[in-house]
Amino acid sequence: MARLPRLCLAGQAHWLIQRAHPGSRVFVDDTDRALYLAALQTVAASEQVRVHAYALLDAEVQLLATPTSAQGLSRLMQSLGRRYVSAHHRKYGGSGTLWDGRFRCAVVQAGATLLDVMCLLDGGSADPMATSLAHHSGECPAPWLADPPELWRLGNTPFDRQGAWRKRVAEGLPTARAAALRAAAWGGWAVGSASFAAEVSAAAARPALPRARGRPRGC
């Protein structure tokens, strides 16, 4: 079966996941993460992509971002990969790509679903350099990050919003909810309700949900 084109819609938030080769590490220390974030900030500005949250785990990158064009995310990840991979090889040696295949990308529904995805990213590591939690909780603001409207609705003041967000991340998501979100993202499907998936499918002219397993009825 031919591979479906990647879901990417201008003006919609997307959850991007890129993994290292099995057994490999993309980030050895926080200096590596700082280098990646500097490149991300530069490339996101040039490609007009708003980055809302990130998780830079040892062997995986996750981003929540909104492009202004359908091609923006692909250009972002290509340019970011060239910059960071080159710097990584200069520091540690080696050659070739660091990544195990192409990056995964899923369109995320606004509202509660987007906040759930942000919660997963910000709660992905206890290392303050590894996620955007320090920004969203007010401990280390990063002006280049674009807070989504959903975050602003958590309170009337920055103190209220930051406290509400720290509490939400500390509580985390139910295991089943987190697993369902991750499965949809890794599959490259729409992350949200069935009606949202139908809208995404119509806009992208491709399925936005996996087909049901088994033989069709009547066969």
C-alpha atoms as a PDB file:
ATOM      1  CA  MET A   1       0.000   0.000   0.000  1.00  0.00           C
ATOM      2  CA  ALA A   2       1.323   3.428  -0.950  1.00  0.00           C
ATOM      3  CA  ARG A   3       2.290   5.664   1.959  1.00  0.00           C
ATOM      4  CA  LEU A   4      -0.250   8.396   2.671  1.00  0.00           C
ATOM      5  CA  PRO A   5       0.954  11.972   2.302  1.00  0.00           C
ATOM      6  CA  ARG A   6       1.745  13.642   5.614  1.00  0.00           C
ATOM      7  CA  LEU A   7      -1.135  15.526   7.225  1.00  0.00           C
ATOM      8  CA  CYS A   8      -0.200  19.194   7.384  1.00  0.00           C
ATOM      9  CA  LEU A   9      -2.655  22.087   7.280  1.00  0.00           C
ATOM     10  CA  ALA A  10      -1.824  25.777   7.428  1.00  0.00           C
ATOM     11  CA  GLY A  11      -3.059  27.504  10.549  1.00  0.00           C
ATOM     12  CA  GLN A  12      -3.596  24.276  12.513  1.00  0.00           C
ATOM     13  CA  ALA A  13      -1.559  23.047  15.460  1.00  0.00           C
ATOM     14  CA  HIS A  14       0.495  19.898  14.786  1.00  0.00           C
ATOM     15  CA  TRP A  15       2.251  17.384  17.003  1.00  0.00           C
ATOM     16  CA  LEU A  16       5.628  16.433  15.532  1.00  0.00           C
ATOM     17  CA  ILE A  17       7.658  13.426  16.682  1.00  0.00           C
ATOM     18  CA  GLN A  18      11.136  12.465  15.478  1.00  0.00           C
ATOM     19  CA  ARG A  19      13.074   9.541  16.974  1.00  0.00           C
ATOM     20  CA  ALA A  20      16.714   8.563  16.965  1.00  0.00           C
ATOM     21  CA  HIS A  21      18.010   5.253  15.665  1.00  0.00           C
ATOM     22  CA  PRO A  22      17.367   2.452  18.184  1.00  0.00           C
ATOM     23  CA  GLY A  23      19.990   2.532  20.923  1.00  0.00           C
ATOM     24  CA  SER A  24      21.201   6.007  19.937  1.00  0.00           C
ATOM     25  CA  ARG A  25      20.911   9.342  21.722  1.00  0.00           C
ATOM     26  CA  VAL A  26      20.171  12.659  20.056  1.00  0.00           C
ATOM     27  CA  PHE A  27      20.914  14.721  23.172  1.00  0.00           C
ATOM     28  CA  VAL A  28      23.766  13.758  25.453  1.00  0.00           C
ATOM     29  CA  ASP A  29      23.508  16.776  27.745  1.00  0.00           C
ATOM     30  CA  ASP A  30      21.757  20.116  28.173  1.00  0.00           C
ATOM     31  CA  THR A  31      24.372  21.840  26.028  1.00  0.00           C
ATOM     32  CA  ASP A  32      23.051  19.779  23.116  1.00  0.00           C
ATOM     33  CA  ARG A  33      19.488  20.779  23.966  1.00  0.00           C
ATOM     34  CA  ALA A  34      20.433  24.455  24.110  1.00  0.00           C
ATOM     35  CA  LEU A  35      22.025  24.140  20.675  1.00  0.00           C
ATOM     36  CA  TYR A  36      18.898  22.494  19.260  1.00  0.00           C
ATOM     37  CA  LEU A  37      16.633  25.155  20.771  1.00  0.00           C
ATOM     38  CA  ALA A  38      18.756  27.957  19.329  1.00  0.00           C
ATOM     39  CA  ALA A  39      18.471  26.383  15.886  1.00  0.00           C
ATOM     40  CA  LEU A  40      14.737  25.807  16.374  1.00  0.00           C
ATOM     41  CA  GLN A  41      14.174  29.438  17.307  1.00  0.00           C
ATOM     42  CA  THR A  42      16.029  30.666  14.203  1.00  0.00           C
ATOM     43  CA  VAL A  43      14.434  28.256  11.756  1.00  0.00           C
ATOM     44  CA  ALA A  44      10.921  28.671  13.143  1.00  0.00           C
ATOM     45  CA  ALA A  45      11.164  32.428  12.631  1.00  0.00           C
ATOM     46  CA  SER A  46      12.429  32.079   9.054  1.00  0.00           C
ATOM     47  CA  GLU A  47       9.760  29.488   8.130  1.00  0.00           C
ATOM     48  CA  GLN A  48       6.965  31.377   9.944  1.00  0.00           C
ATOM     49  CA  VAL A  49       6.116  28.481  12.236  1.00  0.00           C
ATOM     50  CA  ARG A  50       4.831  29.221  15.742  1.00  0.00           C
ATOM     51  CA  VAL A  51       6.221  26.775  18.296  1.00  0.00           C
ATOM     52  CA  HIS A  52       3.992  26.277  21.345  1.00  0.00           C
ATOM     53  CA  ALA A  53       5.749  23.504  23.290  1.00  0.00           C
ATOM     54  CA  TYR A  54       8.632  21.051  23.054  1.00  0.00           C
ATOM     55  CA  ALA A  55      10.120  17.961  24.665  1.00  0.00           C
ATOM     56  CA  LEU A  56      13.755  17.164  23.883  1.00  0.00           C
ATOM     57  CA  LEU A  57      14.209  13.668  25.276  1.00  0.00           C
ATOM     58  CA  ASP A  58      17.427  11.684  25.048  1.00  0.00           C
ATOM     59  CA  ALA A  59      16.342   9.802  21.927  1.00  0.00           C
ATOM     60  CA  GLU A  60      13.307  11.740  20.737  1.00  0.00           C
ATOM     61  CA  VAL A  61      12.103  15.211  19.792  1.00  0.00           C
ATOM     62  CA  GLN A  62       8.488  16.275  20.172  1.00  0.00           C
ATOM     63  CA  LEU A  63       7.141  19.646  19.087  1.00  0.00           C
ATOM     64  CA  LEU A  64       3.727  21.304  19.123  1.00  0.00           C
ATOM     65  CA  ALA A  65       3.691  23.911  16.377  1.00  0.00           C
ATOM     66  CA  THR A  66       1.439  25.814  13.982  1.00  0.00           C
ATOM     67  CA  PRO A  67       2.660  26.571  10.432  1.00  0.00           C
ATOM     68  CA  THR A  68       1.436  29.425   8.259  1.00  0.00           C
ATOM     69  CA  SER A  69       1.761  27.250   5.150  1.00  0.00           C
ATOM     70  CA  ALA A  70       1.206  23.571   4.406  1.00  0.00           C
ATOM     71  CA  GLN A  71       4.906  23.149   3.561  1.00  0.00           C
ATOM     72  CA  GLY A  72       6.187  25.011   6.603  1.00  0.00           C
ATOM     73  CA  LEU A  73       6.689  22.045   8.902  1.00  0.00           C
ATOM     74  CA  SER A  74       8.607  19.978   6.358  1.00  0.00           C
ATOM     75  CA  ARG A  75      10.910  22.917   5.647  1.00  0.00           C
ATOM     76  CA  LEU A  76      11.300  23.526   9.376  1.00  0.00           C
ATOM     77  CA  MET A  77      12.335  19.948  10.136  1.00  0.00           C
ATOM     78  CA  GLN A  78      14.638  19.682   7.117  1.00  0.00           C
ATOM     79  CA  SER A  79      16.496  22.884   7.952  1.00  0.00           C
ATOM     80  CA  LEU A  80      16.574  22.090  11.658  1.00  0.00           C
ATOM     81  CA  GLY A  81      17.912  18.614  10.938  1.00  0.00           C
ATOM     82  CA  ARG A  82      20.716  19.927   8.760  1.00  0.00           C
ATOM     83  CA  ARG A  83      21.787  22.467  11.363  1.00  0.00           C
ATOM     84  CA  TYR A  84      21.665  20.215  14.392  1.00  0.00           C
ATOM     85  CA  VAL A  85      22.970  17.006  12.818  1.00  0.00           C
ATOM     86  CA  SER A  86      26.015  18.852  11.454  1.00  0.00           C
ATOM     87  CA  ALA A  87      26.748  20.357  14.869  1.00  0.00           C
ATOM     88  CA  HIS A  88      26.241  16.983  16.564  1.00  0.00           C
ATOM     89  CA  HIS A  89      28.716  15.266  14.229  1.00  0.00           C
ATOM     90  CA  ARG A  90      31.287  18.031  14.733  1.00  0.00           C
ATOM     91  CA  LYS A  91      31.040  17.521  18.499  1.00  0.00           C
ATOM     92  CA  TYR A  92      30.823  13.738  18.724  1.00  0.00           C
ATOM     93  CA  GLY A  93      31.968  12.472  15.345  1.00  0.00           C
ATOM     94  CA  GLY A  94      29.997  10.200  13.061  1.00  0.00           C
ATOM     95  CA  SER A  95      28.160  10.734   9.811  1.00  0.00           C
ATOM     96  CA  GLY A  96      24.736  10.339   8.285  1.00  0.00           C
ATOM     97  CA  THR A  97      21.393  11.110   9.817  1.00  0.00           C
ATOM     98  CA  LEU A  98      20.618  10.822  13.516  1.00  0.00           C
ATOM     99  CA  TRP A  99      16.982   9.969  12.860  1.00  0.00           C
ATOM    100  CA  ASP A 100      15.193   6.671  12.435  1.00  0.00           C
ATOM    101  CA  GLY A 101      13.107   7.523   9.382  1.00  0.00           C
ATOM    102  CA  ARG A 102      11.025  10.583   8.639  1.00  0.00           C
ATOM    103  CA  PHE A 103       9.345  12.659  11.309  1.00  0.00           C
ATOM    104  CA  ARG A 104       5.744  11.918  12.242  1.00  0.00           C
ATOM    105  CA  CYS A 105       3.143  14.665  12.156  1.00  0.00           C
ATOM    106  CA  ALA A 106      -0.465  14.801  13.384  1.00  0.00           C
ATOM    107  CA  VAL A 107      -3.004  17.625  13.295  1.00  0.00           C
ATOM    108  CA  VAL A 108      -4.237  18.520  16.799  1.00  0.00           C
ATOM    109  CA  GLN A 109      -7.724  19.729  17.626  1.00  0.00           C
ATOM    110  CA  ALA A 110      -7.928  23.065  19.398  1.00  0.00           C
ATOM    111  CA  GLY A 111      -9.214  23.273  22.955  1.00  0.00           C
ATOM    112  CA  ALA A 112      -8.952  20.479  25.507  1.00  0.00           C
ATOM    113  CA  THR A 113      -7.064  18.126  23.167  1.00  0.00           C
ATOM    114  CA  LEU A 114      -4.356  20.684  22.466  1.00  0.00           C
ATOM    115  CA  LEU A 115      -3.887  21.259  26.198  1.00  0.00           C
ATOM    116  CA  ASP A 116      -3.629  17.492  26.752  1.00  0.00           C
ATOM    117  CA  VAL A 117      -0.874  17.270  24.145  1.00  0.00           C
ATOM    118  CA  MET A 118       0.951  20.223  25.723  1.00  0.00           C
ATOM    119  CA  CYS A 119       0.648  18.499  29.090  1.00  0.00           C
ATOM    120  CA  LEU A 120       2.285  15.361  27.695  1.00  0.00           C
ATOM    121  CA  LEU A 121       5.190  17.355  26.273  1.00  0.00           C
ATOM    122  CA  ASP A 122       5.759  19.520  29.339  1.00  0.00           C
ATOM    123  CA  GLY A 123       5.515  16.494  31.615  1.00  0.00           C
ATOM    124  CA  GLY A 124       7.848  14.379  29.515  1.00  0.00           C
ATOM    125  CA  SER A 125      10.996  14.914  31.594  1.00  0.00           C
ATOM    126  CA  ALA A 126      12.111  16.140  35.002  1.00  0.00           C
ATOM    127  CA  ASP A 127      15.043  17.959  33.370  1.00  0.00           C
ATOM    128  CA  PRO A 128      14.059  21.661  33.174  1.00  0.00           C
ATOM    129  CA  MET A 129      16.057  22.052  29.958  1.00  0.00           C
ATOM    130  CA  ALA A 130      14.276  19.164  28.260  1.00  0.00           C
ATOM    131  CA  THR A 131      10.765  20.615  28.027  1.00  0.00           C
ATOM    132  CA  SER A 132       8.928  23.913  27.728  1.00  0.00           C
ATOM    133  CA  LEU A 133       7.431  23.584  31.228  1.00  0.00           C
ATOM    134  CA  ALA A 134       9.808  26.208  32.647  1.00  0.00           C
ATOM    135  CA  HIS A 135       8.409  28.708  30.137  1.00  0.00           C
ATOM    136  CA  HIS A 136       4.751  27.862  30.658  1.00  0.00           C
ATOM    137  CA  SER A 137       5.116  27.857  34.448  1.00  0.00           C
ATOM    138  CA  GLY A 138       6.854  31.258  34.459  1.00  0.00           C
ATOM    139  CA  GLU A 139      10.175  30.004  35.847  1.00  0.00           C
ATOM    140  CA  CYS A 140      12.209  30.730  32.718  1.00  0.00           C
ATOM    141  CA  PRO A 141      10.251  32.660  30.056  1.00  0.00           C
ATOM    142  CA  ALA A 142      11.173  32.034  26.429  1.00  0.00           C
ATOM    143  CA  PRO A 143       9.725  34.944  24.415  1.00  0.00           C
ATOM    144  CA  TRP A 144      10.119  33.078  21.122  1.00  0.00           C
ATOM    145  CA  LEU A 145       7.553  30.457  22.185  1.00  0.00           C
ATOM    146  CA  ALA A 146       3.953  31.231  21.183  1.00  0.00           C
ATOM    147  CA  ASP A 147       1.447  30.501  23.947  1.00  0.00           C
ATOM    148  CA  PRO A 148      -1.827  29.214  22.437  1.00  0.00           C
ATOM    149  CA  PRO A 149      -5.142  30.871  23.383  1.00  0.00           C
ATOM    150  CA  GLU A 150      -6.083  27.782  25.410  1.00  0.00           C
ATOM    151  CA  LEU A 151      -3.287  28.550  27.862  1.00  0.00           C
ATOM    152  CA  TRP A 152      -4.435  32.130  28.325  1.00  0.00           C
ATOM    153  CA  ARG A 153      -7.894  30.912  29.306  1.00  0.00           C
ATOM    154  CA  LEU A 154      -6.545  29.082  32.373  1.00  0.00           C
ATOM    155  CA  GLY A 155      -6.535  32.245  34.494  1.00  0.00           C
ATOM    156  CA  ASN A 156      -6.952  36.012  34.545  1.00  0.00           C
ATOM    157  CA  THR A 157      -3.348  36.753  35.538  1.00  0.00           C
ATOM    158  CA  PRO A 158       0.022  35.234  34.611  1.00  0.00           C
ATOM    159  CA  PHE A 159       0.324  33.949  38.191  1.00  0.00           C
ATOM    160  CA  ASP A 160      -3.055  32.186  37.939  1.00  0.00           C
ATOM    161  CA  ARG A 161      -2.282  30.674  34.550  1.00  0.00           C
ATOM    162  CA  GLN A 162       1.173  29.494  35.540  1.00  0.00           C
ATOM    163  CA  GLY A 163      -0.081  27.935  38.757  1.00  0.00           C
ATOM    164  CA  ALA A 164      -2.931  26.192  36.971  1.00  0.00           C
ATOM    165  CA  TRP A 165      -0.526  24.826  34.398  1.00  0.00           C
ATOM    166  CA  ARG A 166       1.967  23.529  36.954  1.00  0.00           C
ATOM    167  CA  LYS A 167      -0.878  21.719  38.713  1.00  0.00           C
ATOM    168  CA  ARG A 168      -2.184  20.235  35.478  1.00  0.00           C
ATOM    169  CA  VAL A 169       1.216  18.924  34.411  1.00  0.00           C
ATOM    170  CA  ALA A 170       1.874  17.502  37.883  1.00  0.00           C
ATOM    171  CA  GLU A 171      -1.430  15.618  37.768  1.00  0.00           C
ATOM    172  CA  GLY A 172      -0.734  14.306  34.265  1.00  0.00           C
ATOM    173  CA  LEU A 173      -3.173  12.465  32.006  1.00  0.00           C
ATOM    174  CA  PRO A 174      -4.921   9.146  32.551  1.00  0.00           C
ATOM    175  CA  THR A 175      -2.802   6.331  31.129  1.00  0.00           C
ATOM    176  CA  ALA A 176      -5.377   5.327  28.529  1.00  0.00           C
ATOM    177  CA  ARG A 177      -5.808   8.914  27.330  1.00  0.00           C
ATOM    178  CA  ALA A 178      -2.067   9.438  26.987  1.00  0.00           C
ATOM    179  CA  ALA A 179      -1.647   6.157  25.103  1.00  0.00           C
ATOM    180  CA  ALA A 180      -4.472   7.000  22.687  1.00  0.00           C
ATOM    181  CA  LEU A 181      -3.009  10.428  21.946  1.00  0.00           C
ATOM    182  CA  ARG A 182       0.471   9.027  21.338  1.00  0.00           C
ATOM    183  CA  ALA A 183      -0.863   6.288  19.063  1.00  0.00           C
ATOM    184  CA  ALA A 184      -2.747   8.811  16.939  1.00  0.00           C
ATOM    185  CA  ALA A 185       0.295  11.073  16.702  1.00  0.00           C
ATOM    186  CA  TRP A 186       2.702   8.278  15.797  1.00  0.00           C
ATOM    187  CA  GLY A 187       0.279   7.028  13.167  1.00  0.00           C
ATOM    188  CA  GLY A 188       0.083  10.479  11.603  1.00  0.00           C
ATOM    189  CA  TRP A 189      -3.654  10.751  12.155  1.00  0.00           C
ATOM    190  CA  ALA A 190      -5.827  13.582  13.393  1.00  0.00           C
ATOM    191  CA  VAL A 191      -5.629  13.963  17.165  1.00  0.00           C
ATOM    192  CA  GLY A 192      -9.108  14.852  18.349  1.00  0.00           C
ATOM    193  CA  SER A 193     -12.770  13.969  17.948  1.00  0.00           C
ATOM    194  CA  ALA A 194     -14.331  12.039  15.069  1.00  0.00           C
ATOM    195  CA  SER A 195     -15.949  15.214  13.743  1.00  0.00           C
ATOM    196  CA  PHE A 196     -12.592  16.999  13.821  1.00  0.00           C
ATOM    197  CA  ALA A 197     -11.009  14.088  11.942  1.00  0.00           C
ATOM    198  CA  ALA A 198     -13.734  14.355   9.295  1.00  0.00           C
ATOM    199  CA  GLU A 199     -12.962  18.054   8.833  1.00  0.00           C
ATOM    200  CA  VAL A 200      -9.243  17.346   8.543  1.00  0.00           C
ATOM    201  CA  SER A 201      -9.871  14.544   6.045  1.00  0.00           C
ATOM    202  CA  ALA A 202     -11.956  16.836   3.845  1.00  0.00           C
ATOM    203  CA  ALA A 203      -9.371  19.621   3.991  1.00  0.00           C
ATOM    204  CA  ALA A 204      -6.411  17.313   3.309  1.00  0.00           C
ATOM    205  CA  ALA A 205      -8.180  15.040   0.805  1.00  0.00           C
ATOM    206  CA  ARG A 206      -6.905  11.904   2.602  1.00  0.00           C
ATOM    207  CA  PRO A 207      -8.058   9.754   5.515  1.00  0.00           C
ATOM    208  CA  ALA A 208      -7.447  11.281   8.939  1.00  0.00           C
ATOM    209  CA  LEU A 209      -8.271   8.160  10.955  1.00  0.00           C
ATOM    210  CA  PRO A 210      -7.093   4.546  10.526  1.00  0.00           C
ATOM    211  CA  ARG A 211      -9.541   2.219   8.848  1.00  0.00           C
ATOM    212  CA  ALA A 212     -11.439  -0.198  11.048  1.00  0.00           C
ATOM    213  CA  ARG A 213      -9.909  -3.658  11.133  1.00  0.00           C
ATOM    214  CA  GLY A 214     -11.623  -6.693   9.676  1.00  0.00           C
ATOM    215  CA  ARG A 215     -13.655  -7.340   6.562  1.00  0.00           C
ATOM    216  CA  PRO A 216     -16.301  -4.861   5.464  1.00  0.00           C
ATOM    217  CA  ARG A 217     -19.876  -5.731   6.403  1.00  0.00           C
ATOM    218  CA  GLY A 218     -21.667  -7.894   3.892  1.00  0.00           C
ATOM    219  CA  CYS A 219     -18.501  -9.683   2.750  1.00  0.00           C
END
